[in-house]
Protein backbone atom coordinates (compact mmCIF):
# COMPACT_ATOMS: atom_id res chain seq x y z
CA MET A 1 0.00 0.00 0.00
CA LEU A 2 2.76 2.42 0.88
CA LEU A 3 4.59 1.54 -2.32
CA LEU A 4 1.51 2.32 -4.42
CA LEU A 5 1.04 5.71 -2.74
CA PHE A 6 4.69 6.59 -3.33
CA THR A 7 4.36 5.68 -7.01
CA LEU A 8 1.28 7.87 -7.46
CA LEU A 9 2.92 10.86 -5.76
CA THR A 10 6.02 10.51 -7.91
CA ALA A 11 3.93 10.36 -11.11
CA CYS A 12 2.06 13.52 -10.18
CA THR A 13 5.26 15.35 -9.39
CA LEU A 14 6.84 14.45 -12.75
CA THR A 15 3.70 15.43 -14.64
CA ASP A 16 3.47 18.79 -12.92
CA SER A 17 7.11 19.68 -13.39
CA THR A 18 6.94 18.72 -17.09
CA SER A 19 3.94 20.98 -17.49
CA VAL A 20 5.84 23.89 -15.89
CA VAL A 21 8.85 23.41 -18.16
CA ASP A 22 6.67 23.30 -21.30
CA SER A 23 4.74 26.44 -20.37
CA ALA A 24 7.98 28.31 -19.68
CA ASN A 25 8.81 28.20 -23.39
CA VAL A 26 5.47 29.67 -24.48
CA CYS A 27 5.33 33.42 -24.84
CA GLU A 28 3.86 36.03 -27.11
CA LEU A 29 6.06 36.85 -30.08
CA ALA A 30 6.20 40.51 -31.01
CA LEU A 31 4.59 40.79 -34.45
CA THR A 32 5.00 44.50 -35.12
CA LEU A 33 4.66 45.07 -38.86
CA VAL A 34 3.07 43.65 -42.01
CA ALA A 35 4.02 45.26 -45.32
CA PRO A 36 2.13 45.88 -47.43
CA ASP A 37 -1.05 45.74 -45.41
CA ALA A 38 -3.11 44.85 -48.51
CA ALA A 39 -2.15 42.26 -51.12
CA LEU A 40 -3.51 39.89 -53.73
CA PRO A 41 -3.39 36.10 -53.30
CA GLY A 42 0.01 34.91 -54.51
CA GLU A 43 1.78 38.16 -53.62
CA THR A 44 4.54 38.35 -51.01
CA ILE A 45 4.17 40.16 -47.70
CA GLN A 46 6.90 40.91 -45.15
CA LEU A 47 6.49 40.45 -41.41
CA VAL A 48 8.65 41.89 -38.65
CA VAL A 49 8.47 39.49 -35.69
CA SER A 50 10.64 38.69 -32.68
CA PRO A 51 12.09 36.51 -31.32
CA LEU A 52 12.65 34.21 -34.29
CA THR A 53 14.21 30.78 -34.02
CA THR A 54 14.83 29.00 -37.33
CA ALA A 55 13.07 28.80 -40.68
CA ASP A 56 12.12 25.16 -40.10
CA ASP A 57 10.60 26.10 -36.77
CA THR A 58 8.51 29.00 -38.11
CA LEU A 59 4.88 28.81 -39.15
CA VAL A 60 2.91 31.72 -40.66
CA THR A 61 -0.87 31.56 -41.03
CA ILE A 62 -3.03 34.06 -42.90
CA GLY A 63 -6.75 33.79 -42.43
CA GLY A 64 -6.16 30.48 -40.66
CA VAL A 65 -4.40 29.03 -43.74
CA ARG A 66 -0.74 28.10 -43.69
CA ALA A 67 1.27 30.50 -45.85
CA GLN A 68 4.31 29.43 -47.83
CA LEU A 69 7.48 30.87 -46.30
CA VAL A 70 9.55 32.74 -48.89
CA SER A 71 12.42 34.08 -46.80
CA PHE A 72 13.69 34.03 -43.22
CA GLU A 73 16.06 36.69 -41.97
CA ARG A 74 17.78 37.05 -38.63
CA VAL A 75 20.75 39.35 -39.11
CA GLY A 76 23.01 41.18 -36.64
CA CYS A 77 21.61 39.34 -33.64
CA GLU A 78 24.81 37.76 -32.31
CA ASP A 79 25.62 40.56 -29.82
CA CYS A 80 22.00 40.73 -28.73
CA ASP A 81 21.92 37.00 -28.04
CA ALA A 82 25.24 37.15 -26.18
CA CYS A 83 24.01 40.03 -24.03
CA ARG A 84 20.80 38.19 -23.14
CA ASP A 85 22.76 35.07 -22.27
CA ALA A 86 25.19 37.06 -20.10
CA TYR A 87 22.40 38.70 -18.12
CA LEU A 88 20.25 35.54 -18.07
CA CYS A 89 17.43 37.24 -19.91
CA ALA A 90 14.73 35.02 -21.32
CA PRO A 91 13.83 35.79 -24.92
CA CYS A 92 10.38 37.19 -24.24
CA LEU A 93 9.15 36.35 -20.72
CA GLU A 94 10.86 39.35 -19.14
CA ASP A 95 12.36 42.67 -20.10
CA CYS A 96 16.11 42.89 -20.41
CA ASP A 97 16.67 46.62 -20.23
CA VAL A 98 20.45 46.40 -20.43
CA CYS A 99 20.22 44.59 -23.78
CA ASP A 100 16.96 45.85 -25.30
CA VAL A 101 18.34 49.05 -26.84
CA GLY A 102 21.20 47.26 -28.59
CA CYS A 103 18.95 44.44 -29.72
CA ALA A 104 16.42 46.84 -31.23
CA ALA A 105 19.13 48.79 -33.06
CA GLU A 106 21.18 45.90 -34.44
CA CYS A 107 19.10 42.74 -34.59
CA VAL A 108 16.86 42.45 -37.65
CA GLU A 109 14.26 39.68 -37.53
CA GLN A 110 11.75 39.30 -40.33
CA VAL A 111 10.09 36.73 -42.56
CA SER A 112 8.22 36.96 -45.85
CA ALA A 113 5.38 34.72 -46.98
CA LEU A 114 3.01 34.24 -49.91
CA VAL A 115 -0.61 35.22 -49.44
CA PRO A 116 -2.65 32.00 -49.88
CA SER A 117 -5.76 31.75 -52.02
CA LEU A 118 -8.35 33.51 -49.89
CA ALA A 119 -11.57 35.39 -50.43
CA ALA A 120 -11.25 39.17 -50.56
CA GLY A 121 -11.48 40.88 -47.18
CA PRO A 122 -9.63 41.08 -43.86
CA ALA A 123 -7.49 38.11 -42.80
CA ILE A 124 -5.72 37.56 -39.47
CA ILE A 125 -1.95 36.96 -39.54
CA GLU A 126 -0.26 34.86 -36.86
CA VAL A 127 3.28 33.54 -36.46
CA PHE A 128 4.30 30.48 -34.45
CA ASN A 129 7.69 29.04 -33.47
CA GLY A 130 9.36 27.16 -30.64
CA GLU A 131 9.20 30.22 -28.36
CA GLY A 132 5.46 30.68 -28.69
CA ALA A 133 2.78 32.44 -30.73
CA SER A 134 2.54 36.01 -31.90
CA GLY A 135 -0.09 38.62 -31.45
CA ARG A 136 -2.36 39.29 -34.41
CA LEU A 137 -2.20 41.73 -37.27
CA THR A 138 -4.72 42.12 -40.08
CA LEU A 139 -4.02 41.87 -43.81
CA THR A 140 -6.56 43.04 -46.36
CA VAL A 141 -6.78 40.40 -49.09
CA LEU A 142 -7.56 42.10 -52.39
CA ALA A 143 -9.87 40.69 -55.04
CA PRO A 144 -8.16 39.76 -58.31
CA PRO A 145 -9.02 42.12 -61.19
CA GLU A 146 -12.01 41.03 -63.24
CA ASP A 147 -11.43 39.43 -66.60
CA THR A 148 -12.99 41.84 -69.09
CA GLY A 149 -13.19 39.12 -71.69
CA GLY A 150 -10.40 40.15 -73.96
CA ALA A 151 -9.22 43.56 -72.83
CA ASP A 152 -5.98 42.90 -74.67
CA ASP A 153 -7.96 41.69 -77.66
CA THR A 154 -9.26 44.86 -79.29
CA GLY A 155 -11.35 42.87 -81.73
CA GLY A 156 -9.17 43.58 -84.67
CA ALA A 157 -7.98 47.06 -83.76
CA ASP A 158 -4.67 46.29 -85.41
CA ASP A 159 -6.54 44.99 -88.42
CA THR A 160 -7.77 48.17 -90.12
CA GLY A 161 -9.75 46.21 -92.66
CA GLY A 162 -7.17 46.51 -95.34
CA ALA A 163 -5.63 49.84 -94.42
CA ASP A 164 -2.23 48.53 -95.47
CA ASP A 165 -3.81 46.86 -98.46
CA THR A 166 -4.77 49.90 -100.58
CA GLY A 167 -6.11 47.68 -103.30
CA ASP A 168 -5.40 48.79 -106.88
CA THR A 169 -4.32 52.42 -106.64
CA ALA A 170 -3.62 52.64 -110.43
CA PRO A 171 -5.81 55.19 -112.27
CA PRO A 172 -8.84 53.74 -113.98
CA ASP A 173 -8.29 52.18 -117.40
CA THR A 174 -9.72 54.72 -119.85
CA GLY A 175 -9.34 52.48 -122.82
CA ASP A 176 -6.16 52.95 -124.83
CA THR A 177 -4.70 55.90 -122.99
CA ALA A 178 -1.36 54.10 -122.98
CA ASP A 179 -1.36 54.13 -126.86
CA THR A 180 -0.39 57.71 -127.68
CA SER A 181 0.47 57.06 -131.37
CA ALA A 182 -1.25 59.19 -133.99
CA PRO A 183 -4.15 57.62 -135.82
CA ASP A 184 -3.20 55.45 -138.79
CA SER A 185 -3.99 57.59 -141.85
CA GLY A 186 -3.55 54.78 -144.25
CA ASP A 187 -0.14 55.03 -145.93
CA SER A 188 1.36 57.74 -143.76
CA GLY A 189 4.40 55.57 -143.22
CA ASP A 190 5.00 55.24 -147.02
CA THR A 191 6.62 58.55 -148.11
CA SER A 192 7.88 57.34 -151.47
CA ALA A 193 6.64 59.12 -154.59
CA PRO A 194 3.70 57.57 -156.27
CA ASP A 195 4.51 54.79 -158.65
CA THR A 196 3.79 56.09 -162.17
CA GLY A 197 4.00 52.58 -163.44
CA GLY A 198 6.18 53.64 -166.53
CA ALA A 199 9.75 54.03 -165.35
CA GLU A 200 10.91 50.80 -166.97
CA GLY A 201 8.65 51.36 -170.03
CA GLN A 202 10.22 54.75 -170.70
CA ALA A 203 13.69 53.21 -170.56
CA GLU A 204 12.67 50.58 -173.09
CA ALA A 205 11.17 53.24 -175.34
CA GLN A 206 14.39 55.22 -175.31
CA ILE A 207 16.43 52.12 -176.15
CA GLY A 208 14.00 51.33 -178.97
CA ALA A 209 14.28 54.87 -180.32
CA ALA A 210 18.07 54.68 -180.27
CA LEU A 211 18.03 51.44 -182.19
CA ALA A 212 15.65 52.88 -184.73
CA GLU A 213 18.07 55.66 -185.60
CA CYS A 214 20.88 53.23 -186.30
CA PRO A 215 21.30 52.33 -190.08
CA VAL A 216 20.35 48.88 -191.02
């Protein structure tokens, strides 16, 4: 009986102490900026949030839907981390005045994520990691532009209905305007003197006359 009681007390003690350790790591992350504060689905938004842990440990939700992480940046935080460790400051459960000014000036912590496919309207953004969960900021999800059914298609605006094709721009055929020769007057090309038809006869007559005058 005593052994059973001891076992039960030990189990309760282990359970309670485990619960305390787990809750010690849960705190509110400081989500301080979303830029831009309005975006279309598929666009990238940037979030400033602290403290960050690692990319694999970081979850961003928008409108309750997990958002794809595009980039994770924690730059210039080495001195801040060393200062917090030296003064035994927890990341977010207590203020660490001696380190806070330097951390704010040098340590840059931000992530960027794609806006998931959501209906237009306000959507709550939250960030989760091994340190805890963030407060909430609101993103306005914009509606995609309406498809005007061929805004780029002007219905043949580039086709002017034959503007480049001017057809036959030659002057109308008036008949034989290309033939500028003078009318054929018959024998205008024959400029020789009229044939009297007796040139050879006259020569024969003269030869005959000459022979007649010769004595026989």
